Amino acid sequence: MLIGYARTSTVDQDYGLEAQKDELQAYGINELYHEKVSAVDSNRSELKSAIKSLREGDKLVVTKLDRLARSVRHLGELLETLESKGAGLVVLSMGGQQVDTTTATGKLILTMLGSVAEFERNLMKERQRAGIEKAKAAGRYKGRVPTAKRQSDKVIALKEAGVPRQQIMEQLGISQASYYRILNSG
């Protein structure tokens, strides 16, 4: 059986999630699990469910490796888990090729390309940090303005008007932590 898994990092990436789901459906998956959650979030419940549903001989199918693993180490852990279940992994797009870990060559290619992808991500982070430091030194970098903080007046006004907390959070698109942070700072 082919089990598909699709993920985007934020709720704003609906198109990306739909594109992944379409690609997985076109591949012929039997079941599809999807979620909108950051890769660093340890509570990826749909991924856990997808892996739990795998049986011997099944394959977990993803469109790209970065939709599944956040590092080479994490990839290794996932591969070990799949292997212990007698299942494999198929990545539909790895440098223009499809990779299937049920073959020795597929496992080798996946491990090598995963290492290269992590290396590239680390280089990008280094360049980003260097750019931020340079901008700070030149006095041009102010950092991100917290979005919830900009809405402090609205939160307080709605709270004073008797609007329930959950409704305020949904209406303004802020988290519970931001809601309480605003109320406690005022």
C-alpha atoms as a PDB file:
ATOM      1  CA  MET A   1       0.000   0.000   0.000  1.00  0.00           C
ATOM      2  CA  LEU A   2       1.182   3.542  -0.748  1.00  0.00           C
ATOM      3  CA  ILE A   3       0.687   6.043   2.090  1.00  0.00           C
ATOM      4  CA  GLY A   4       1.073   9.712   1.100  1.00  0.00           C
ATOM      5  CA  TYR A   5       2.205  12.503   3.423  1.00  0.00           C
ATOM      6  CA  ALA A   6       2.060  16.225   2.604  1.00  0.00           C
ATOM      7  CA  ARG A   7       3.074  19.159   4.820  1.00  0.00           C
ATOM      8  CA  THR A   8       3.383  22.904   4.693  1.00  0.00           C
ATOM      9  CA  SER A   9       4.924  25.071   7.381  1.00  0.00           C
ATOM     10  CA  THR A  10       2.172  27.641   7.696  1.00  0.00           C
ATOM     11  CA  VAL A  11      -1.539  27.995   7.142  1.00  0.00           C
ATOM     12  CA  ASP A  12      -0.759  30.588   4.447  1.00  0.00           C
ATOM     13  CA  GLN A  13       0.659  27.921   2.124  1.00  0.00           C
ATOM     14  CA  ASP A  14      -2.616  26.368   0.930  1.00  0.00           C
ATOM     15  CA  TYR A  15      -1.518  26.270  -2.709  1.00  0.00           C
ATOM     16  CA  GLY A  16       1.672  24.379  -1.842  1.00  0.00           C
ATOM     17  CA  LEU A  17      -0.264  21.821   0.178  1.00  0.00           C
ATOM     18  CA  GLU A  18      -2.800  21.311  -2.614  1.00  0.00           C
ATOM     19  CA  ALA A  19       0.012  20.886  -5.172  1.00  0.00           C
ATOM     20  CA  GLN A  20       1.627  18.205  -2.994  1.00  0.00           C
ATOM     21  CA  LYS A  21      -1.690  16.403  -2.549  1.00  0.00           C
ATOM     22  CA  ASP A  22      -2.312  16.478  -6.320  1.00  0.00           C
ATOM     23  CA  GLU A  23       1.155  15.067  -7.041  1.00  0.00           C
ATOM     24  CA  LEU A  24       0.689  12.299  -4.485  1.00  0.00           C
ATOM     25  CA  GLN A  25      -2.759  11.421  -5.850  1.00  0.00           C
ATOM     26  CA  ALA A  26      -1.318  11.274  -9.377  1.00  0.00           C
ATOM     27  CA  TYR A  27       1.319   8.807  -8.117  1.00  0.00           C
ATOM     28  CA  GLY A  28      -1.500   6.525  -6.989  1.00  0.00           C
ATOM     29  CA  ILE A  29      -1.406   6.626  -3.214  1.00  0.00           C
ATOM     30  CA  ASN A  30      -4.033   4.674  -1.292  1.00  0.00           C
ATOM     31  CA  GLU A  31      -4.218   6.906   1.787  1.00  0.00           C
ATOM     32  CA  LEU A  32      -3.245  10.545   2.321  1.00  0.00           C
ATOM     33  CA  TYR A  33      -2.169  12.295   5.496  1.00  0.00           C
ATOM     34  CA  HIS A  34      -1.527  16.059   5.471  1.00  0.00           C
ATOM     35  CA  GLU A  35      -0.939  18.880   7.900  1.00  0.00           C
ATOM     36  CA  LYS A  36       0.074  22.508   8.264  1.00  0.00           C
ATOM     37  CA  VAL A  37       2.832  22.530  10.844  1.00  0.00           C
ATOM     38  CA  SER A  38       6.484  23.547  11.055  1.00  0.00           C
ATOM     39  CA  ALA A  39       9.046  20.816  10.454  1.00  0.00           C
ATOM     40  CA  VAL A  40      10.657  21.621  13.798  1.00  0.00           C
ATOM     41  CA  ASP A  41       7.384  20.996  15.632  1.00  0.00           C
ATOM     42  CA  SER A  42       7.742  17.654  17.374  1.00  0.00           C
ATOM     43  CA  ASN A  43       3.968  17.168  17.394  1.00  0.00           C
ATOM     44  CA  ARG A  44       3.389  16.296  13.751  1.00  0.00           C
ATOM     45  CA  SER A  45       0.368  14.143  14.483  1.00  0.00           C
ATOM     46  CA  GLU A  46      -0.461  13.362  10.846  1.00  0.00           C
ATOM     47  CA  LEU A  47       3.088  12.138  10.174  1.00  0.00           C
ATOM     48  CA  LYS A  48       2.871   9.959  13.268  1.00  0.00           C
ATOM     49  CA  SER A  49      -0.486   8.591  12.053  1.00  0.00           C
ATOM     50  CA  ALA A  50       0.892   7.932   8.561  1.00  0.00           C
ATOM     51  CA  ILE A  51       3.851   6.012   9.982  1.00  0.00           C
ATOM     52  CA  LYS A  52       1.617   4.128  12.407  1.00  0.00           C
ATOM     53  CA  SER A  53      -0.599   2.984   9.510  1.00  0.00           C
ATOM     54  CA  LEU A  54       2.334   1.452   7.597  1.00  0.00           C
ATOM     55  CA  ARG A  55       2.544  -2.333   7.368  1.00  0.00           C
ATOM     56  CA  GLU A  56       5.260  -4.592   6.001  1.00  0.00           C
ATOM     57  CA  GLY A  57       5.742  -3.962   2.279  1.00  0.00           C
ATOM     58  CA  ASP A  58       4.039  -0.526   2.377  1.00  0.00           C
ATOM     59  CA  LYS A  59       5.727   2.687   1.271  1.00  0.00           C
ATOM     60  CA  LEU A  60       5.494   6.194   2.679  1.00  0.00           C
ATOM     61  CA  VAL A  61       5.416   8.629  -0.257  1.00  0.00           C
ATOM     62  CA  VAL A  62       6.359  12.333  -0.068  1.00  0.00           C
ATOM     63  CA  THR A  63       6.847  14.882  -2.837  1.00  0.00           C
ATOM     64  CA  LYS A  64      10.117  16.311  -1.479  1.00  0.00           C
ATOM     65  CA  LEU A  65      12.441  15.359   1.326  1.00  0.00           C
ATOM     66  CA  ASP A  66      12.097  18.706   3.115  1.00  0.00           C
ATOM     67  CA  ARG A  67       8.376  18.000   3.598  1.00  0.00           C
ATOM     68  CA  LEU A  68       9.354  15.009   5.745  1.00  0.00           C
ATOM     69  CA  ALA A  69      12.680  15.395   7.561  1.00  0.00           C
ATOM     70  CA  ARG A  70      14.252  18.448   9.156  1.00  0.00           C
ATOM     71  CA  SER A  71      17.837  17.116   9.242  1.00  0.00           C
ATOM     72  CA  VAL A  72      19.977  14.169   8.212  1.00  0.00           C
ATOM     73  CA  ARG A  73      19.702  12.867  11.771  1.00  0.00           C
ATOM     74  CA  HIS A  74      15.903  13.101  11.692  1.00  0.00           C
ATOM     75  CA  LEU A  75      15.877  11.423   8.281  1.00  0.00           C
ATOM     76  CA  GLY A  76      17.978   8.582   9.680  1.00  0.00           C
ATOM     77  CA  GLU A  77      15.565   8.138  12.589  1.00  0.00           C
ATOM     78  CA  LEU A  78      12.590   8.065  10.224  1.00  0.00           C
ATOM     79  CA  LEU A  79      14.300   5.543   7.940  1.00  0.00           C
ATOM     80  CA  GLU A  80      15.082   3.319  10.924  1.00  0.00           C
ATOM     81  CA  THR A  81      11.440   3.457  12.011  1.00  0.00           C
ATOM     82  CA  LEU A  82      10.224   2.614   8.502  1.00  0.00           C
ATOM     83  CA  GLU A  83      12.755  -0.192   8.172  1.00  0.00           C
ATOM     84  CA  SER A  84      11.696  -1.693  11.515  1.00  0.00           C
ATOM     85  CA  LYS A  85       8.135  -1.857  10.168  1.00  0.00           C
ATOM     86  CA  GLY A  86       9.316  -3.445   6.922  1.00  0.00           C
ATOM     87  CA  ALA A  87       8.227  -0.337   5.001  1.00  0.00           C
ATOM     88  CA  GLY A  88      10.049   1.929   2.555  1.00  0.00           C
ATOM     89  CA  LEU A  89      10.140   5.584   1.601  1.00  0.00           C
ATOM     90  CA  VAL A  90       9.571   7.097  -1.834  1.00  0.00           C
ATOM     91  CA  VAL A  91      10.552  10.721  -2.495  1.00  0.00           C
ATOM     92  CA  LEU A  92       9.006  11.818  -5.775  1.00  0.00           C
ATOM     93  CA  SER A  93      11.358  14.723  -6.481  1.00  0.00           C
ATOM     94  CA  MET A  94      15.009  14.441  -5.442  1.00  0.00           C
ATOM     95  CA  GLY A  95      17.100  16.435  -7.868  1.00  0.00           C
ATOM     96  CA  GLY A  96      14.705  15.636 -10.682  1.00  0.00           C
ATOM     97  CA  GLN A  97      14.619  11.930  -9.849  1.00  0.00           C
ATOM     98  CA  GLN A  98      12.429   9.654  -7.824  1.00  0.00           C
ATOM     99  CA  VAL A  99      14.135   7.861  -4.944  1.00  0.00           C
ATOM    100  CA  ASP A 100      12.883   4.622  -3.388  1.00  0.00           C
ATOM    101  CA  THR A 101      14.612   3.384  -0.220  1.00  0.00           C
ATOM    102  CA  THR A 102      13.539  -0.210  -0.767  1.00  0.00           C
ATOM    103  CA  THR A 103      16.586  -0.464  -3.056  1.00  0.00           C
ATOM    104  CA  ALA A 104      20.208  -0.166  -1.911  1.00  0.00           C
ATOM    105  CA  THR A 105      20.891   2.527  -4.511  1.00  0.00           C
ATOM    106  CA  GLY A 106      17.812   4.490  -3.445  1.00  0.00           C
ATOM    107  CA  LYS A 107      18.873   4.425   0.197  1.00  0.00           C
ATOM    108  CA  LEU A 108      22.392   5.604  -0.718  1.00  0.00           C
ATOM    109  CA  ILE A 109      21.128   8.431  -2.937  1.00  0.00           C
ATOM    110  CA  LEU A 110      18.643   9.587  -0.304  1.00  0.00           C
ATOM    111  CA  THR A 111      21.287   9.726   2.417  1.00  0.00           C
ATOM    112  CA  MET A 112      23.758  11.608   0.209  1.00  0.00           C
ATOM    113  CA  LEU A 113      21.206  14.121  -1.089  1.00  0.00           C
ATOM    114  CA  GLY A 114      19.817  14.620   2.401  1.00  0.00           C
ATOM    115  CA  SER A 115      23.301  15.548   3.601  1.00  0.00           C
ATOM    116  CA  VAL A 116      23.765  17.995   0.719  1.00  0.00           C
ATOM    117  CA  ALA A 117      20.352  19.590   1.410  1.00  0.00           C
ATOM    118  CA  GLU A 118      21.194  20.068   5.093  1.00  0.00           C
ATOM    119  CA  PHE A 119      24.582  21.552   4.133  1.00  0.00           C
ATOM    120  CA  GLU A 120      22.899  24.025   1.762  1.00  0.00           C
ATOM    121  CA  ARG A 121      20.374  25.036   4.437  1.00  0.00           C
ATOM    122  CA  ASN A 122      23.189  25.649   6.937  1.00  0.00           C
ATOM    123  CA  LEU A 123      25.053  27.796   4.383  1.00  0.00           C
ATOM    124  CA  MET A 124      21.891  29.808   3.753  1.00  0.00           C
ATOM    125  CA  LYS A 125      21.464  30.402   7.505  1.00  0.00           C
ATOM    126  CA  GLU A 126      25.090  31.524   7.798  1.00  0.00           C
ATOM    127  CA  ARG A 127      24.651  34.004   4.926  1.00  0.00           C
ATOM    128  CA  GLN A 128      21.422  35.267   6.469  1.00  0.00           C
ATOM    129  CA  ARG A 129      23.054  35.780   9.885  1.00  0.00           C
ATOM    130  CA  ALA A 130      26.010  37.571   8.253  1.00  0.00           C
ATOM    131  CA  GLY A 131      23.628  39.855   6.346  1.00  0.00           C
ATOM    132  CA  ILE A 132      21.679  40.672   9.504  1.00  0.00           C
ATOM    133  CA  GLU A 133      24.881  41.452  11.422  1.00  0.00           C
ATOM    134  CA  LYS A 134      26.071  43.729   8.608  1.00  0.00           C
ATOM    135  CA  ALA A 135      22.696  45.531   8.506  1.00  0.00           C
ATOM    136  CA  LYS A 136      22.720  45.919  12.309  1.00  0.00           C
ATOM    137  CA  ALA A 137      26.217  47.411  12.202  1.00  0.00           C
ATOM    138  CA  ALA A 138      25.030  49.886   9.570  1.00  0.00           C
ATOM    139  CA  GLY A 139      21.960  50.719  11.681  1.00  0.00           C
ATOM    140  CA  ARG A 140      19.552  49.463   9.017  1.00  0.00           C
ATOM    141  CA  TYR A 141      18.217  46.354  10.777  1.00  0.00           C
ATOM    142  CA  LYS A 142      15.430  46.839  13.262  1.00  0.00           C
ATOM    143  CA  GLY A 143      14.134  43.269  13.422  1.00  0.00           C
ATOM    144  CA  ARG A 144      10.617  42.054  12.918  1.00  0.00           C
ATOM    145  CA  VAL A 145       7.831  44.079  14.493  1.00  0.00           C
ATOM    146  CA  PRO A 146       5.712  41.682  16.548  1.00  0.00           C
ATOM    147  CA  THR A 147       2.347  41.437  14.805  1.00  0.00           C
ATOM    148  CA  ALA A 148       0.308  40.898  17.955  1.00  0.00           C
ATOM    149  CA  LYS A 149       1.895  43.895  19.688  1.00  0.00           C
ATOM    150  CA  ARG A 150       0.670  46.169  16.885  1.00  0.00           C
ATOM    151  CA  GLN A 151      -2.868  45.123  17.762  1.00  0.00           C
ATOM    152  CA  SER A 152      -2.662  45.817  21.499  1.00  0.00           C
ATOM    153  CA  ASP A 153      -5.237  48.609  21.349  1.00  0.00           C
ATOM    154  CA  LYS A 154      -7.705  46.391  19.486  1.00  0.00           C
ATOM    155  CA  VAL A 155      -7.248  43.511  21.951  1.00  0.00           C
ATOM    156  CA  ILE A 156      -7.849  45.772  24.937  1.00  0.00           C
ATOM    157  CA  ALA A 157     -10.844  47.490  23.317  1.00  0.00           C
ATOM    158  CA  LEU A 158     -12.477  44.177  22.379  1.00  0.00           C
ATOM    159  CA  LYS A 159     -11.807  42.750  25.858  1.00  0.00           C
ATOM    160  CA  GLU A 160     -13.380  45.826  27.480  1.00  0.00           C
ATOM    161  CA  ALA A 161     -16.361  45.481  25.126  1.00  0.00           C
ATOM    162  CA  GLY A 162     -16.945  41.988  26.531  1.00  0.00           C
ATOM    163  CA  VAL A 163     -15.849  40.011  23.466  1.00  0.00           C
ATOM    164  CA  PRO A 164     -14.786  36.462  24.479  1.00  0.00           C
ATOM    165  CA  ARG A 165     -11.067  35.644  24.433  1.00  0.00           C
ATOM    166  CA  GLN A 166     -11.325  32.962  21.729  1.00  0.00           C
ATOM    167  CA  GLN A 167     -13.244  35.294  19.426  1.00  0.00           C
ATOM    168  CA  ILE A 168     -10.664  38.071  19.910  1.00  0.00           C
ATOM    169  CA  MET A 169      -7.825  35.671  19.099  1.00  0.00           C
ATOM    170  CA  GLU A 170      -9.545  34.378  15.959  1.00  0.00           C
ATOM    171  CA  GLN A 171     -10.636  37.817  14.767  1.00  0.00           C
ATOM    172  CA  LEU A 172      -7.171  39.333  15.147  1.00  0.00           C
ATOM    173  CA  GLY A 173      -5.182  36.221  14.239  1.00  0.00           C
ATOM    174  CA  ILE A 174      -3.137  36.114  17.437  1.00  0.00           C
ATOM    175  CA  SER A 175      -2.153  33.272  19.745  1.00  0.00           C
ATOM    176  CA  GLN A 176      -3.321  32.761  23.300  1.00  0.00           C
ATOM    177  CA  ALA A 177       0.181  33.613  24.552  1.00  0.00           C
ATOM    178  CA  SER A 178       0.107  36.924  22.655  1.00  0.00           C
ATOM    179  CA  TYR A 179      -3.377  37.672  23.974  1.00  0.00           C
ATOM    180  CA  TYR A 180      -2.280  37.274  27.593  1.00  0.00           C
ATOM    181  CA  ARG A 181       1.049  39.021  26.992  1.00  0.00           C
ATOM    182  CA  ILE A 182      -0.844  42.098  25.744  1.00  0.00           C
ATOM    183  CA  LEU A 183      -3.253  42.085  28.687  1.00  0.00           C
ATOM    184  CA  ASN A 184      -0.470  41.596  31.251  1.00  0.00           C
ATOM    185  CA  SER A 185       1.728  44.344  29.808  1.00  0.00           C
ATOM    186  CA  GLY A 186      -1.009  46.981  29.920  1.00  0.00           C
END
